[in-house]
Protein backbone atom coordinates (compact mmCIF):
# COMPACT_ATOMS: atom_id res chain seq x y z
CA UNK A 1 -22.02 6.21 2.63
CA UNK A 2 -22.06 7.14 6.29
CA UNK A 3 -19.08 8.01 8.46
CA UNK A 4 -18.78 6.92 12.06
CA UNK A 5 -16.14 7.80 14.66
CA UNK A 6 -13.97 10.08 12.50
CA UNK A 7 -11.90 11.21 15.52
CA UNK A 8 -10.08 7.92 16.15
CA UNK A 9 -7.15 6.38 14.28
CA UNK A 10 -9.49 3.78 12.82
CA UNK A 11 -12.52 5.06 10.98
CA UNK A 12 -15.62 2.97 10.35
CA UNK A 13 -17.52 3.67 7.15
CA UNK A 14 -20.74 2.18 5.89
CA UNK A 15 -20.22 1.41 2.20
CA UNK A 16 -22.88 -0.50 0.29
CA UNK A 17 -24.57 -1.50 3.55
CA UNK A 18 -21.41 -2.89 5.17
CA UNK A 19 -19.46 -1.34 8.04
CA UNK A 20 -15.82 -1.27 6.95
CA UNK A 21 -12.87 -0.28 9.14
CA UNK A 22 -10.61 2.23 7.38
CA UNK A 23 -7.27 3.91 8.15
CA UNK A 24 -5.25 6.69 6.62
CA UNK A 25 -2.84 4.82 4.34
CA UNK A 26 0.87 4.63 4.92
CA UNK A 27 2.55 5.25 1.58
CA UNK A 28 6.35 5.10 1.31
CA UNK A 29 6.66 5.38 5.10
CA UNK A 30 4.43 8.44 5.53
CA UNK A 31 0.76 8.76 6.38
CA UNK A 32 -1.33 10.19 3.55
CA UNK A 33 -4.28 11.95 5.18
CA UNK A 34 -6.39 12.59 2.05
CA UNK A 35 -7.37 8.93 1.60
CA UNK A 36 -8.67 6.06 3.67
CA UNK A 37 -7.94 2.37 2.96
CA UNK A 38 -9.59 -0.80 4.25
CA UNK A 39 -8.21 -4.27 4.92
CA UNK A 40 -10.07 -5.51 1.84
CA UNK A 41 -8.49 -2.94 -0.49
CA UNK A 42 -11.21 -0.31 -0.75
CA UNK A 43 -9.87 3.25 -1.05
CA UNK A 44 -11.86 6.35 -0.16
CA UNK A 45 -10.89 9.88 -1.22
CA UNK A 46 -11.61 12.49 1.44
CA UNK A 47 -11.06 15.18 -1.23
CA UNK A 48 -13.66 13.82 -3.67
CA UNK A 49 -15.80 12.26 -0.91
CA UNK A 50 -16.17 9.00 -2.82
CA UNK A 51 -14.57 5.63 -3.40
CA UNK A 52 -11.69 5.69 -5.87
CA UNK A 53 -10.46 2.74 -7.87
CA UNK A 54 -7.05 3.73 -9.21
CA UNK A 55 -5.61 2.86 -12.58
CA UNK A 56 -5.45 -0.68 -13.96
CA UNK A 57 -1.91 -1.88 -14.64
CA UNK A 58 -1.70 -5.08 -16.76
CA UNK A 59 -0.13 -8.12 -15.18
CA UNK A 60 1.28 -11.03 -17.18
CA UNK A 61 -0.89 -11.73 -20.22
CA UNK A 62 -2.96 -8.61 -19.56
CA UNK A 63 -6.12 -10.45 -18.47
CA UNK A 64 -5.41 -9.69 -14.83
CA UNK A 65 -4.33 -6.34 -13.46
CA UNK A 66 -2.96 -4.54 -10.45
CA UNK A 67 -4.50 -1.34 -9.11
CA UNK A 68 -2.20 1.66 -8.97
CA UNK A 69 -2.88 5.03 -7.35
CA UNK A 70 -1.18 8.38 -7.82
CA UNK A 71 -0.55 10.24 -4.56
CA UNK A 72 -0.54 14.00 -4.96
CA UNK A 73 1.26 15.82 -2.13
CA UNK A 74 2.60 19.23 -1.29
CA UNK A 75 6.12 19.93 -2.56
CA UNK A 76 8.55 18.87 0.17
CA UNK A 77 6.25 16.14 1.59
CA UNK A 78 8.86 13.53 0.61
CA UNK A 79 12.13 14.49 2.32
CA UNK A 80 14.15 12.65 -0.32
CA UNK A 81 12.66 14.81 -3.08
CA UNK A 82 11.25 11.80 -4.91
CA UNK A 83 8.16 11.91 -7.05
CA UNK A 84 7.53 13.96 -10.14
CA UNK A 85 6.29 17.52 -10.33
CA UNK A 86 2.77 17.77 -11.73
CA UNK A 87 2.53 20.53 -14.31
CA UNK A 88 -0.95 19.86 -15.59
CA UNK A 89 -2.74 17.24 -17.60
CA UNK A 90 -4.67 16.15 -14.54
CA UNK A 91 -7.07 17.63 -12.01
CA UNK A 92 -6.34 21.24 -11.07
CA UNK A 93 -5.51 20.22 -7.49
CA UNK A 94 -2.44 18.32 -8.85
CA UNK A 95 -0.79 21.29 -10.54
CA UNK A 96 2.42 22.33 -8.77
CA UNK A 97 2.42 19.29 -6.49
CA UNK A 98 4.59 16.19 -6.24
CA UNK A 99 3.10 12.91 -7.34
CA UNK A 100 4.12 9.30 -6.73
CA UNK A 101 2.50 6.07 -7.85
CA UNK A 102 1.78 3.25 -5.38
CA UNK A 103 0.26 -0.16 -5.92
CA UNK A 104 -2.88 -0.94 -3.92
CA UNK A 105 -1.47 -4.15 -2.42
CA UNK A 106 1.53 -2.21 -1.07
CA UNK A 107 -0.75 0.46 0.38
CA UNK A 108 -2.94 -2.16 2.14
CA UNK A 109 0.02 -4.10 3.51
CA UNK A 110 2.02 -1.07 4.69
CA UNK A 111 -1.06 0.44 6.36
CA UNK A 112 -2.44 -2.59 8.15
CA UNK A 113 0.77 -4.61 8.77
CA UNK A 114 3.70 -2.17 8.70
CA UNK A 115 7.04 -3.88 8.11
CA UNK A 116 8.57 -2.34 11.24
CA UNK A 117 6.16 -4.29 13.47
CA UNK A 118 5.68 -7.35 11.23
CA UNK A 119 8.77 -9.23 10.08
CA UNK A 120 8.82 -10.96 6.70
CA UNK A 121 8.18 -14.70 6.62
CA UNK A 122 11.12 -16.83 7.79
CA UNK A 123 12.42 -14.18 10.25
CA UNK A 124 11.58 -14.80 13.90
CA UNK A 125 10.34 -11.96 16.08
CA UNK A 126 13.47 -12.19 18.28
CA UNK A 127 15.76 -11.82 15.25
CA UNK A 128 13.59 -8.99 13.91
CA UNK A 129 13.86 -7.02 17.18
CA UNK A 130 17.67 -7.22 16.98
CA UNK A 131 17.63 -6.05 13.35
CA UNK A 132 15.28 -3.12 14.09
CA UNK A 133 17.13 -2.04 17.22
CA UNK A 134 20.79 -2.69 16.46
CA UNK A 135 21.18 -3.04 12.70
CA UNK A 136 19.47 -0.14 10.90
CA UNK A 137 21.42 -0.77 7.68
CA UNK A 138 20.21 -4.38 7.59
CA UNK A 139 16.64 -3.22 8.28
CA UNK A 140 16.85 -0.73 5.39
CA UNK A 141 18.21 -3.43 3.09
CA UNK A 142 15.42 -5.84 4.05
CA UNK A 143 12.77 -3.14 3.64
CA UNK A 144 14.00 -2.48 0.10
CA UNK A 145 14.31 -6.13 -0.87
CA UNK A 146 11.02 -7.68 0.29
CA UNK A 147 8.06 -7.76 -2.07
CA UNK A 148 4.38 -8.34 -1.49
CA UNK A 149 2.99 -11.64 -2.73
CA UNK A 150 -0.64 -12.38 -3.55
CA UNK A 151 -1.03 -15.79 -1.93
CA UNK A 152 -3.73 -16.91 -4.40
CA UNK A 153 -1.76 -15.45 -7.37
CA UNK A 154 -4.70 -13.14 -8.17
CA UNK A 155 -3.43 -9.54 -8.36
CA UNK A 156 -7.01 -8.24 -8.15
CA UNK A 157 -7.49 -9.79 -4.69
CA UNK A 158 -5.94 -7.15 -2.43
CA UNK A 159 -7.46 -8.33 0.84
CA UNK A 160 -4.96 -8.24 3.71
CA UNK A 161 -5.48 -11.98 4.32
CA UNK A 162 -4.26 -12.66 0.77
CA UNK A 163 -1.02 -10.66 1.08
CA UNK A 164 2.36 -11.57 2.56
CA UNK A 165 5.92 -10.25 2.44
CA UNK A 166 8.46 -12.52 0.76
CA UNK A 167 11.75 -12.16 -1.06
CA UNK A 168 11.71 -11.45 -4.78
CA UNK A 169 13.22 -14.91 -5.23
CA UNK A 170 10.23 -16.56 -3.53
CA UNK A 171 7.78 -14.46 -5.54
CA UNK A 172 8.95 -15.54 -9.00
CA UNK A 173 5.93 -16.85 -10.97
CA UNK A 174 7.83 -19.82 -12.43
CA UNK A 175 9.06 -20.93 -9.00
CA UNK A 176 5.57 -20.55 -7.53
CA UNK A 177 3.90 -22.48 -10.36
CA UNK A 178 6.34 -25.39 -9.88
CA UNK A 179 6.02 -25.29 -6.09
CA UNK A 180 9.76 -24.72 -5.59
């Protein structure tokens, strides 16, 4: 692994012989500066100085899985006080810190195509500008109600090109399988 251009917002890393553009991930609306994430779903820990893979979370029948990561932050990092207090049972650097879990597909999408600048499908840019500017309560409602869909229905494919924001209604597996 080689690092290039660490002083810009976008960081290029050479992993397995490929130059990959990375960014500090946006998790729950805040930038987490101890990791880097790529468009293709690779996550790099600046603390451990290596690629991290997260925990497998079963999906459906259990043959496929999502990737989930646990963000460890200083107490007070989340203004709303969310997260759980780490008291041990993990690496020493977690003790006395707040932790929150985040799915890899959410981390990729929020980092590379933040909702604020990228409206969900079926909302025009003109309508989205009005919502962002004049209707903060509507924006908050939309931000809490959209989900991230894997276009190819493969939860292990977390490439940005395979992700899109849709309503929970549009993301129901039975509706998708029937093409409704």
